[in-house]
Amino acid sequence: MKHVATLLIRRGLPDEPANWARYSVPFEPGQSLLDGLRRIRVSEDPSLAFRYSCINANACKECMILLDGETVYACTARLEAREMRLEPLANKRLVHDLVTEIAPPDERLANQPGTARRRS
């Protein structure tokens, strides 16, 4: 039996007021929040930004987001037939939509012209 989750997702870039997008996502019981986000990006909105590396394995830790104010891994959190509020991590620098900066500062690539890091 198909169920429908309503994903209310915080969208936007840093230094912009938050805007919210609502998506209805049909799912089968057991599907992950990551499955729902991937479905939205493929079927409805290819501009939706979120980060992941593995699928449903909780091995990479890249898909961390806030679900109803709680930190979760999108690959292990399950879709539910209700409204689910998704936001980027509050304690990390926002990149775009649900993507936040996760690399430690000393491991980030310089993204300013003329500030490339030297390797010893």
N, C-alpha and C. Protein backbone atom coordinates (compact mmCIF):
# COMPACT_ATOMS: atom_id res chain seq x y z
N MET A 1 0.83 -1.18 0.00
CA MET A 1 0.00 0.00 0.00
C MET A 1 0.88 1.25 0.00
N LYS A 2 0.61 2.18 -0.88
CA LYS A 2 1.37 3.43 -0.96
C LYS A 2 0.90 4.39 0.13
N HIS A 3 1.88 5.06 0.71
CA HIS A 3 1.63 6.12 1.68
C HIS A 3 2.19 7.40 1.11
N VAL A 4 1.85 8.55 1.71
CA VAL A 4 2.37 9.82 1.24
C VAL A 4 2.94 10.59 2.43
N ALA A 5 4.20 11.01 2.28
CA ALA A 5 4.84 11.89 3.25
C ALA A 5 4.83 13.30 2.66
N THR A 6 4.63 14.29 3.51
CA THR A 6 4.74 15.67 3.08
C THR A 6 6.05 16.20 3.65
N LEU A 7 6.99 16.52 2.76
CA LEU A 7 8.28 17.03 3.19
C LEU A 7 8.29 18.54 3.05
N LEU A 8 8.42 19.23 4.17
CA LEU A 8 8.53 20.68 4.21
C LEU A 8 10.02 20.98 4.35
N ILE A 9 10.62 21.52 3.28
CA ILE A 9 12.07 21.64 3.20
C ILE A 9 12.50 23.09 3.16
N ARG A 10 13.45 23.43 4.02
CA ARG A 10 14.04 24.77 4.03
C ARG A 10 14.93 24.89 2.79
N ARG A 11 14.67 25.91 1.98
CA ARG A 11 15.42 26.11 0.74
C ARG A 11 16.15 27.43 0.79
N GLY A 12 17.26 27.53 0.08
CA GLY A 12 17.92 28.81 -0.09
C GLY A 12 19.42 28.77 0.12
N LEU A 13 20.00 29.93 -0.01
CA LEU A 13 21.43 30.13 0.12
C LEU A 13 21.74 30.87 1.41
N PRO A 14 23.02 30.88 1.81
CA PRO A 14 23.40 31.67 3.00
C PRO A 14 23.05 33.14 2.77
N ASP A 15 22.81 33.84 3.84
CA ASP A 15 22.51 35.28 3.80
C ASP A 15 21.23 35.61 3.05
N GLU A 16 20.37 34.63 2.85
CA GLU A 16 19.04 34.86 2.28
C GLU A 16 18.01 34.46 3.33
N PRO A 17 16.87 35.12 3.32
CA PRO A 17 15.82 34.65 4.23
C PRO A 17 15.41 33.23 3.84
N ALA A 18 15.10 32.42 4.83
CA ALA A 18 14.66 31.05 4.56
C ALA A 18 13.35 31.07 3.79
N ASN A 19 13.25 30.19 2.80
CA ASN A 19 11.95 29.97 2.18
C ASN A 19 11.70 28.47 2.26
N TRP A 20 10.47 28.09 2.23
CA TRP A 20 10.08 26.71 2.47
C TRP A 20 9.35 26.16 1.26
N ALA A 21 9.67 24.93 0.90
CA ALA A 21 8.99 24.24 -0.20
C ALA A 21 8.34 22.97 0.36
N ARG A 22 7.15 22.69 -0.10
CA ARG A 22 6.41 21.52 0.37
C ARG A 22 6.27 20.53 -0.80
N TYR A 23 6.64 19.29 -0.52
CA TYR A 23 6.58 18.23 -1.54
C TYR A 23 5.79 17.05 -0.98
N SER A 24 4.93 16.48 -1.80
CA SER A 24 4.23 15.24 -1.43
C SER A 24 5.00 14.09 -2.06
N VAL A 25 5.39 13.14 -1.22
CA VAL A 25 6.24 12.04 -1.68
C VAL A 25 5.55 10.70 -1.40
N PRO A 26 5.10 9.99 -2.44
CA PRO A 26 4.56 8.65 -2.21
C PRO A 26 5.69 7.70 -1.84
N PHE A 27 5.41 6.77 -0.95
CA PHE A 27 6.45 5.83 -0.52
C PHE A 27 5.85 4.52 -0.06
N GLU A 28 6.70 3.52 -0.03
CA GLU A 28 6.37 2.22 0.56
C GLU A 28 6.96 2.19 1.96
N PRO A 29 6.31 1.55 2.92
CA PRO A 29 6.88 1.47 4.27
C PRO A 29 8.31 0.94 4.23
N GLY A 30 9.17 1.57 5.01
CA GLY A 30 10.57 1.18 5.08
C GLY A 30 11.49 2.05 4.25
N GLN A 31 10.93 2.85 3.32
CA GLN A 31 11.79 3.71 2.53
C GLN A 31 12.35 4.83 3.40
N SER A 32 13.57 5.25 3.06
CA SER A 32 14.26 6.26 3.87
C SER A 32 13.93 7.68 3.41
N LEU A 33 14.24 8.61 4.28
CA LEU A 33 14.13 10.02 3.96
C LEU A 33 15.02 10.35 2.76
N LEU A 34 16.19 9.73 2.68
CA LEU A 34 17.06 9.92 1.52
C LEU A 34 16.38 9.45 0.24
N ASP A 35 15.66 8.33 0.30
CA ASP A 35 14.89 7.87 -0.87
C ASP A 35 13.91 8.96 -1.31
N GLY A 36 13.24 9.58 -0.35
CA GLY A 36 12.28 10.64 -0.67
C GLY A 36 12.94 11.86 -1.28
N LEU A 37 14.08 12.27 -0.72
CA LEU A 37 14.80 13.42 -1.28
C LEU A 37 15.29 13.13 -2.70
N ARG A 38 15.78 11.93 -2.93
CA ARG A 38 16.24 11.56 -4.27
C ARG A 38 15.07 11.54 -5.25
N ARG A 39 13.92 11.07 -4.80
CA ARG A 39 12.73 11.05 -5.66
C ARG A 39 12.33 12.47 -6.06
N ILE A 40 12.36 13.40 -5.08
CA ILE A 40 12.02 14.80 -5.38
C ILE A 40 12.98 15.35 -6.43
N ARG A 41 14.28 15.11 -6.24
CA ARG A 41 15.27 15.67 -7.17
C ARG A 41 15.11 15.08 -8.58
N VAL A 42 14.80 13.80 -8.67
CA VAL A 42 14.65 13.17 -9.99
C VAL A 42 13.32 13.53 -10.64
N SER A 43 12.23 13.55 -9.86
CA SER A 43 10.89 13.67 -10.44
C SER A 43 10.32 15.08 -10.45
N GLU A 44 10.72 15.91 -9.48
CA GLU A 44 10.04 17.19 -9.35
C GLU A 44 10.94 18.41 -9.41
N ASP A 45 12.08 18.36 -8.73
CA ASP A 45 12.88 19.57 -8.59
C ASP A 45 14.37 19.24 -8.60
N PRO A 46 14.99 19.26 -9.77
CA PRO A 46 16.41 18.91 -9.86
C PRO A 46 17.33 19.92 -9.17
N SER A 47 16.79 21.06 -8.75
CA SER A 47 17.63 22.06 -8.08
C SER A 47 17.75 21.82 -6.58
N LEU A 48 17.01 20.87 -6.02
CA LEU A 48 17.08 20.60 -4.59
C LEU A 48 18.48 20.11 -4.23
N ALA A 49 19.12 20.82 -3.29
CA ALA A 49 20.49 20.47 -2.90
C ALA A 49 20.50 19.75 -1.55
N PHE A 50 21.10 18.57 -1.54
CA PHE A 50 21.34 17.81 -0.32
C PHE A 50 22.56 16.96 -0.56
N ARG A 51 23.17 16.49 0.50
CA ARG A 51 24.44 15.76 0.37
C ARG A 51 24.24 14.32 0.80
N TYR A 52 24.86 13.40 0.05
CA TYR A 52 24.94 11.99 0.45
C TYR A 52 26.04 11.34 -0.36
N SER A 53 26.55 10.25 0.14
CA SER A 53 27.58 9.51 -0.58
C SER A 53 27.17 8.05 -0.71
N CYS A 54 26.76 7.46 0.38
CA CYS A 54 26.29 6.07 0.33
C CYS A 54 24.76 6.08 0.24
N ILE A 55 24.17 4.93 0.09
CA ILE A 55 22.72 4.84 0.07
C ILE A 55 22.28 3.83 1.12
N ASN A 56 21.56 4.32 2.13
CA ASN A 56 20.95 3.49 3.18
C ASN A 56 21.95 2.62 3.93
N ALA A 57 23.17 3.11 4.13
CA ALA A 57 24.16 2.31 4.82
C ALA A 57 24.71 2.98 6.07
N ASN A 58 24.47 4.28 6.25
CA ASN A 58 24.95 5.04 7.40
C ASN A 58 26.46 4.89 7.57
N ALA A 59 27.19 4.87 6.47
CA ALA A 59 28.63 4.69 6.53
C ALA A 59 29.40 5.99 6.31
N CYS A 60 28.85 6.92 5.56
CA CYS A 60 29.62 8.10 5.20
C CYS A 60 29.35 9.30 6.10
N LYS A 61 28.20 9.35 6.74
CA LYS A 61 27.81 10.43 7.64
C LYS A 61 27.60 11.77 6.93
N GLU A 62 27.45 11.78 5.63
CA GLU A 62 27.30 13.03 4.89
C GLU A 62 25.87 13.52 4.80
N CYS A 63 24.89 12.70 5.07
CA CYS A 63 23.49 13.08 4.86
C CYS A 63 22.81 13.60 6.13
N MET A 64 23.59 14.04 7.10
CA MET A 64 22.99 14.55 8.34
C MET A 64 22.19 15.82 8.07
N ILE A 65 20.97 15.86 8.57
CA ILE A 65 20.10 17.02 8.48
C ILE A 65 19.26 17.08 9.76
N LEU A 66 18.49 18.13 9.88
CA LEU A 66 17.53 18.23 10.99
C LEU A 66 16.17 17.77 10.48
N LEU A 67 15.58 16.84 11.19
CA LEU A 67 14.23 16.36 10.93
C LEU A 67 13.39 16.72 12.14
N ASP A 68 12.46 17.64 11.96
CA ASP A 68 11.63 18.11 13.08
C ASP A 68 12.49 18.55 14.26
N GLY A 69 13.64 19.20 13.97
CA GLY A 69 14.51 19.73 15.00
C GLY A 69 15.52 18.76 15.58
N GLU A 70 15.49 17.50 15.16
CA GLU A 70 16.41 16.48 15.66
C GLU A 70 17.42 16.13 14.57
N THR A 71 18.69 15.96 14.94
CA THR A 71 19.72 15.57 13.99
C THR A 71 19.54 14.09 13.63
N VAL A 72 19.45 13.82 12.33
CA VAL A 72 19.27 12.44 11.84
C VAL A 72 20.14 12.22 10.61
N TYR A 73 20.33 10.97 10.26
CA TYR A 73 20.91 10.61 8.96
C TYR A 73 19.74 10.36 8.03
N ALA A 74 19.71 11.04 6.89
CA ALA A 74 18.62 10.87 5.94
C ALA A 74 18.56 9.44 5.40
N CYS A 75 19.69 8.75 5.41
CA CYS A 75 19.72 7.38 4.87
C CYS A 75 19.10 6.36 5.82
N THR A 76 18.97 6.71 7.10
CA THR A 76 18.39 5.74 8.04
C THR A 76 17.04 6.19 8.61
N ALA A 77 16.75 7.50 8.56
CA ALA A 77 15.43 7.99 9.00
C ALA A 77 14.40 7.51 7.99
N ARG A 78 13.26 7.10 8.46
CA ARG A 78 12.21 6.53 7.60
C ARG A 78 11.14 7.57 7.27
N LEU A 79 10.65 7.51 6.04
CA LEU A 79 9.52 8.34 5.65
C LEU A 79 8.30 7.91 6.45
N GLU A 80 7.49 8.88 6.82
CA GLU A 80 6.26 8.62 7.56
C GLU A 80 5.13 9.38 6.90
N ALA A 81 3.93 8.88 7.03
CA ALA A 81 2.74 9.49 6.42
C ALA A 81 2.28 10.67 7.27
N ARG A 82 3.07 11.73 7.22
CA ARG A 82 2.79 12.95 7.98
C ARG A 82 3.66 14.07 7.41
N GLU A 83 3.51 15.29 7.92
CA GLU A 83 4.41 16.37 7.51
C GLU A 83 5.73 16.23 8.27
N MET A 84 6.82 16.25 7.53
CA MET A 84 8.16 16.12 8.09
C MET A 84 8.95 17.37 7.70
N ARG A 85 9.45 18.10 8.70
CA ARG A 85 10.14 19.37 8.48
C ARG A 85 11.64 19.13 8.40
N LEU A 86 12.26 19.47 7.25
CA LEU A 86 13.68 19.23 7.02
C LEU A 86 14.43 20.55 6.93
N GLU A 87 15.55 20.62 7.68
CA GLU A 87 16.38 21.81 7.69
C GLU A 87 17.85 21.40 7.68
N PRO A 88 18.72 22.33 7.27
CA PRO A 88 20.15 22.04 7.35
C PRO A 88 20.60 22.03 8.81
N LEU A 89 21.76 21.46 9.07
CA LEU A 89 22.30 21.46 10.43
C LEU A 89 22.49 22.90 10.90
N ALA A 90 22.04 23.19 12.10
CA ALA A 90 22.08 24.56 12.61
C ALA A 90 23.47 25.00 13.03
N ASN A 91 24.34 24.07 13.39
CA ASN A 91 25.66 24.43 13.91
C ASN A 91 26.75 24.41 12.84
N LYS A 92 26.36 24.31 11.58
CA LYS A 92 27.32 24.28 10.47
C LYS A 92 26.99 25.40 9.49
N ARG A 93 27.99 25.83 8.74
CA ARG A 93 27.80 26.89 7.75
C ARG A 93 26.95 26.36 6.60
N LEU A 94 25.89 27.09 6.28
CA LEU A 94 25.00 26.71 5.18
C LEU A 94 25.69 26.93 3.84
N VAL A 95 25.57 25.95 2.95
CA VAL A 95 26.07 26.07 1.58
C VAL A 95 24.90 26.36 0.65
N HIS A 96 23.87 25.49 0.68
CA HIS A 96 22.68 25.65 -0.15
C HIS A 96 21.63 24.63 0.27
N ASP A 97 20.40 25.04 0.42
CA ASP A 97 19.28 24.17 0.81
C ASP A 97 19.64 23.36 2.07
N LEU A 98 19.77 22.03 1.94
CA LEU A 98 20.08 21.18 3.09
C LEU A 98 21.57 20.88 3.22
N VAL A 99 22.40 21.46 2.36
CA VAL A 99 23.84 21.20 2.37
C VAL A 99 24.54 22.18 3.30
N THR A 100 25.32 21.63 4.22
CA THR A 100 26.14 22.44 5.11
C THR A 100 27.60 22.05 4.95
N GLU A 101 28.48 22.93 5.38
CA GLU A 101 29.92 22.66 5.33
C GLU A 101 30.24 21.64 6.42
N ILE A 102 30.79 20.50 6.02
CA ILE A 102 31.07 19.46 7.01
C ILE A 102 32.55 19.20 7.20
N ALA A 103 33.37 19.64 6.25
CA ALA A 103 34.81 19.41 6.38
C ALA A 103 35.39 20.34 7.44
N PRO A 104 36.31 19.85 8.26
CA PRO A 104 36.98 20.74 9.22
C PRO A 104 37.69 21.87 8.47
N PRO A 105 37.78 23.06 9.06
CA PRO A 105 38.36 24.21 8.36
C PRO A 105 39.74 23.95 7.75
N ASP A 106 40.59 23.19 8.43
CA ASP A 106 41.93 22.97 7.89
C ASP A 106 41.96 21.95 6.75
N GLU A 107 40.82 21.32 6.46
CA GLU A 107 40.76 20.37 5.36
C GLU A 107 39.99 20.89 4.15
N ARG A 108 39.48 22.10 4.24
CA ARG A 108 38.71 22.68 3.14
C ARG A 108 39.64 23.20 2.06
N LEU A 109 39.22 23.05 0.83
CA LEU A 109 39.96 23.63 -0.29
C LEU A 109 39.71 25.12 -0.31
N ALA A 110 40.71 25.87 -0.62
CA ALA A 110 40.54 27.31 -0.76
C ALA A 110 39.69 27.56 -2.00
N ASN A 111 38.73 28.45 -1.89
CA ASN A 111 37.90 28.73 -3.06
C ASN A 111 37.99 30.20 -3.46
N GLN A 112 39.04 30.86 -3.04
CA GLN A 112 39.30 32.22 -3.45
C GLN A 112 40.45 32.22 -4.45
N PRO A 113 40.36 32.99 -5.52
CA PRO A 113 41.47 33.05 -6.47
C PRO A 113 42.75 33.48 -5.76
N GLY A 114 43.83 32.78 -6.07
CA GLY A 114 45.12 33.14 -5.52
C GLY A 114 45.38 32.65 -4.11
N THR A 115 44.46 31.81 -3.57
CA THR A 115 44.66 31.33 -2.20
C THR A 115 44.76 29.81 -2.16
N ALA A 116 45.23 29.22 -3.23
CA ALA A 116 45.37 27.76 -3.26
C ALA A 116 46.34 27.31 -2.17
N ARG A 117 46.01 26.20 -1.56
CA ARG A 117 46.87 25.66 -0.49
C ARG A 117 48.07 24.95 -1.07
N ARG A 118 49.17 25.10 -0.40
CA ARG A 118 50.37 24.37 -0.80
C ARG A 118 50.40 23.03 -0.12
N ARG A 119 50.89 22.05 -0.84
CA ARG A 119 51.08 20.73 -0.25
C ARG A 119 52.55 20.55 0.04
N SER A 120 52.88 20.05 1.22
CA SER A 120 54.27 19.83 1.58
C SER A 120 54.68 18.42 1.27
